[in-house]
C-alpha atoms as a PDB file:
ATOM      1  CA  MET A   1     101.984  42.921  94.942  1.00  0.00           C
ATOM      2  CA  ALA A   2     104.551  44.733  97.121  1.00  0.00           C
ATOM      3  CA  GLU A   3     101.795  46.896  98.613  1.00  0.00           C
ATOM      4  CA  ALA A   4      99.880  43.757  99.580  1.00  0.00           C
ATOM      5  CA  ILE A   5     102.941  42.373 101.374  1.00  0.00           C
ATOM      6  CA  ILE A   6     103.451  45.636 103.251  1.00  0.00           C
ATOM      7  CA  SER A   7      99.775  45.709 104.193  1.00  0.00           C
ATOM      8  CA  ASP A   8      99.876  42.058 105.306  1.00  0.00           C
ATOM      9  CA  ALA A   9     103.015  42.631 107.390  1.00  0.00           C
ATOM     10  CA  ALA A  10     101.371  45.595 109.094  1.00  0.00           C
ATOM     11  CA  ALA A  11      98.211  43.565 109.749  1.00  0.00           C
ATOM     12  CA  ILE A  12     100.205  40.673 111.203  1.00  0.00           C
ATOM     13  CA  LEU A  13     102.112  43.132 113.392  1.00  0.00           C
ATOM     14  CA  ALA A  14      98.828  44.561 114.680  1.00  0.00           C
ATOM     15  CA  THR A  15      97.561  41.062 115.532  1.00  0.00           C
ATOM     16  CA  TYR A  16     100.854  40.210 117.261  1.00  0.00           C
ATOM     17  CA  GLU A  17     100.620  43.425 119.282  1.00  0.00           C
ATOM     18  CA  ARG A  18      97.065  42.583 120.388  1.00  0.00           C
ATOM     19  CA  MET A  19      98.080  39.086 121.455  1.00  0.00           C
ATOM     20  CA  VAL A  20     101.167  40.254 123.340  1.00  0.00           C
ATOM     21  CA  ALA A  21      99.172  43.013 125.033  1.00  0.00           C
ATOM     22  CA  ARG A  22      97.093  40.296 126.731  1.00  0.00           C
ATOM     23  CA  LEU A  23     100.144  38.937 128.545  1.00  0.00           C
ATOM     24  CA  PRO A  24     100.484  37.700 131.231  1.00  0.00           C
ATOM     25  CA  ASP A  25      96.766  37.009 131.601  1.00  0.00           C
ATOM     26  CA  GLY A  26      96.603  34.676 128.682  1.00  0.00           C
ATOM     27  CA  ASN A  27      96.261  34.230 125.002  1.00  0.00           C
ATOM     28  CA  PRO A  28      92.774  35.263 123.869  1.00  0.00           C
ATOM     29  CA  TYR A  29      92.900  32.878 120.930  1.00  0.00           C
ATOM     30  CA  GLY A  30      93.977  29.852 122.945  1.00  0.00           C
ATOM     31  CA  ALA A  31      96.938  29.093 120.727  1.00  0.00           C
ATOM     32  CA  TRP A  32     100.258  30.492 121.870  1.00  0.00           C
ATOM     33  CA  ASP A  33     101.941  28.980 118.844  1.00  0.00           C
ATOM     34  CA  ASN A  34      99.825  31.176 116.551  1.00  0.00           C
ATOM     35  CA  MET A  35     101.375  34.234 118.166  1.00  0.00           C
ATOM     36  CA  LEU A  36     104.857  32.851 117.552  1.00  0.00           C
ATOM     37  CA  ASP A  37     104.015  31.807 113.978  1.00  0.00           C
ATOM     38  CA  GLY A  38     102.872  35.384 113.406  1.00  0.00           C
ATOM     39  CA  ARG A  39     106.159  36.654 114.791  1.00  0.00           C
ATOM     40  CA  ASP A  40     107.937  34.407 112.252  1.00  0.00           C
ATOM     41  CA  LEU A  41     106.007  36.069 109.435  1.00  0.00           C
ATOM     42  CA  ILE A  42     106.829  39.514 110.755  1.00  0.00           C
ATOM     43  CA  GLU A  43     110.508  38.583 110.748  1.00  0.00           C
ATOM     44  CA  GLN A  44     110.223  37.392 107.142  1.00  0.00           C
ATOM     45  CA  TYR A  45     108.835  40.771 106.027  1.00  0.00           C
ATOM     46  CA  LYS A  46     110.532  42.960 108.627  1.00  0.00           C
ATOM     47  CA  GLU A  47     112.323  45.032 105.988  1.00  0.00           C
ATOM     48  CA  GLN A  48     108.905  46.120 104.696  1.00  0.00           C
ATOM     49  CA  LEU A  49     107.936  47.722 108.013  1.00  0.00           C
ATOM     50  CA  SER A  50     108.168  51.469 108.544  1.00  0.00           C
ATOM     51  CA  ALA A  51     110.282  53.015 111.295  1.00  0.00           C
ATOM     52  CA  SER A  52     107.227  53.477 113.508  1.00  0.00           C
ATOM     53  CA  GLU A  53     106.129  49.882 112.907  1.00  0.00           C
ATOM     54  CA  LEU A  54     109.612  48.683 113.848  1.00  0.00           C
ATOM     55  CA  GLN A  55     109.321  50.640 117.100  1.00  0.00           C
ATOM     56  CA  ARG A  56     105.963  48.997 117.766  1.00  0.00           C
ATOM     57  CA  LEU A  57     107.512  45.598 117.047  1.00  0.00           C
ATOM     58  CA  GLU A  58     110.336  46.300 119.493  1.00  0.00           C
ATOM     59  CA  ALA A  59     107.828  47.290 122.194  1.00  0.00           C
ATOM     60  CA  ALA A  60     105.767  44.124 121.604  1.00  0.00           C
ATOM     61  CA  ASP A  61     108.912  41.971 121.633  1.00  0.00           C
ATOM     62  CA  ASN A  62     109.998  43.571 124.910  1.00  0.00           C
ATOM     63  CA  ARG A  63     106.632  42.714 126.444  1.00  0.00           C
ATOM     64  CA  LEU A  64     106.928  39.137 125.171  1.00  0.00           C
ATOM     65  CA  ARG A  65     110.381  38.887 126.776  1.00  0.00           C
ATOM     66  CA  LYS A  66     109.057  40.380 130.016  1.00  0.00           C
ATOM     67  CA  TYR A  67     106.452  37.634 130.300  1.00  0.00           C
ATOM     68  CA  GLY A  68     108.580  34.906 128.757  1.00  0.00           C
ATOM     69  CA  ALA A  69     108.248  32.533 131.693  1.00  0.00           C
ATOM     70  CA  ALA A  70     104.440  32.702 131.471  1.00  0.00           C
ATOM     71  CA  VAL A  71     104.520  32.074 127.720  1.00  0.00           C
ATOM     72  CA  ARG A  72     107.028  29.233 127.999  1.00  0.00           C
ATOM     73  CA  ARG A  73     104.600  27.153 130.063  1.00  0.00           C
ATOM     74  CA  PHE A  74     102.211  27.023 127.120  1.00  0.00           C
ATOM     75  CA  ILE A  75     104.531  26.625 124.137  1.00  0.00           C
ATOM     76  CA  ASP A  76     104.051  23.303 122.403  1.00  0.00           C
ATOM     77  CA  THR A  77     107.685  22.194 122.220  1.00  0.00           C
ATOM     78  CA  GLY A  78     106.682  19.270 120.003  1.00  0.00           C
ATOM     79  CA  TYR A  79     105.312  21.729 117.458  1.00  0.00           C
ATOM     80  CA  ARG A  80     108.456  23.819 117.768  1.00  0.00           C
ATOM     81  CA  GLU A  81     110.576  20.747 117.088  1.00  0.00           C
ATOM     82  CA  ARG A  82     108.488  19.843 114.032  1.00  0.00           C
ATOM     83  CA  ILE A  83     108.804  23.266 112.413  1.00  0.00           C
ATOM     84  CA  ASN A  84     112.438  23.575 113.534  1.00  0.00           C
ATOM     85  CA  PRO A  85     112.762  27.374 113.605  1.00  0.00           C
ATOM     86  CA  PRO A  86     116.265  28.840 113.511  1.00  0.00           C
ATOM     87  CA  ARG A  87     117.698  29.735 116.909  1.00  0.00           C
ATOM     88  CA  SER A  88     117.761  33.365 115.738  1.00  0.00           C
ATOM     89  CA  HIS A  89     113.968  33.268 116.146  1.00  0.00           C
ATOM     90  CA  TRP A  90     114.394  33.729 119.882  1.00  0.00           C
ATOM     91  CA  TRP A  91     110.631  33.972 120.529  1.00  0.00           C
ATOM     92  CA  TRP A  92     110.306  30.190 120.195  1.00  0.00           C
ATOM     93  CA  TRP A  93     112.597  29.832 123.227  1.00  0.00           C
ATOM     94  CA  VAL A  94     111.338  32.839 125.181  1.00  0.00           C
ATOM     95  CA  GLY A  95     111.515  32.281 128.906  1.00  0.00           C
ATOM     96  CA  GLU A  96     113.698  29.192 128.697  1.00  0.00           C
ATOM     97  CA  GLU A  97     116.675  31.104 130.005  1.00  0.00           C
ATOM     98  CA  GLU A  98     114.608  31.536 133.182  1.00  0.00           C
ATOM     99  CA  ARG A  99     113.958  27.803 133.530  1.00  0.00           C
ATOM    100  CA  PRO A 100     115.331  26.408 136.779  1.00  0.00           C
ATOM    101  CA  GLN A 101     118.144  23.896 136.302  1.00  0.00           C
END
C-alpha cells in the first residue's frame, strides 16, 4: 500500500509539473482548480517524495508563484470558499498579493 501512495504522489507531481510548465499561456486542461487540487494532494503526501522530487516540486511551485497574477484571474474563488483550504496552502491565494488595492 505504501508503494502505491509513493507512486501516486510521484504521478500527481508529474501532472502538476506539466500543468505549471504551460504557464503563463494557459491551462491545457481548462480547469485551473484541478492543478491546485493536485497541489493539495502533493502536500498531503509530501513526506513520501524523494529529495529529487522535492526539488522538482520547489521548481514547479516557484513557476506557479512567478505567474501567480495570471493564475489568479482564473481561480474559482467560490470553489475555494467551498473547500475552505487552510491558509498554509498558499497556492489557492497565489497572485492575490499582487492584486491592486
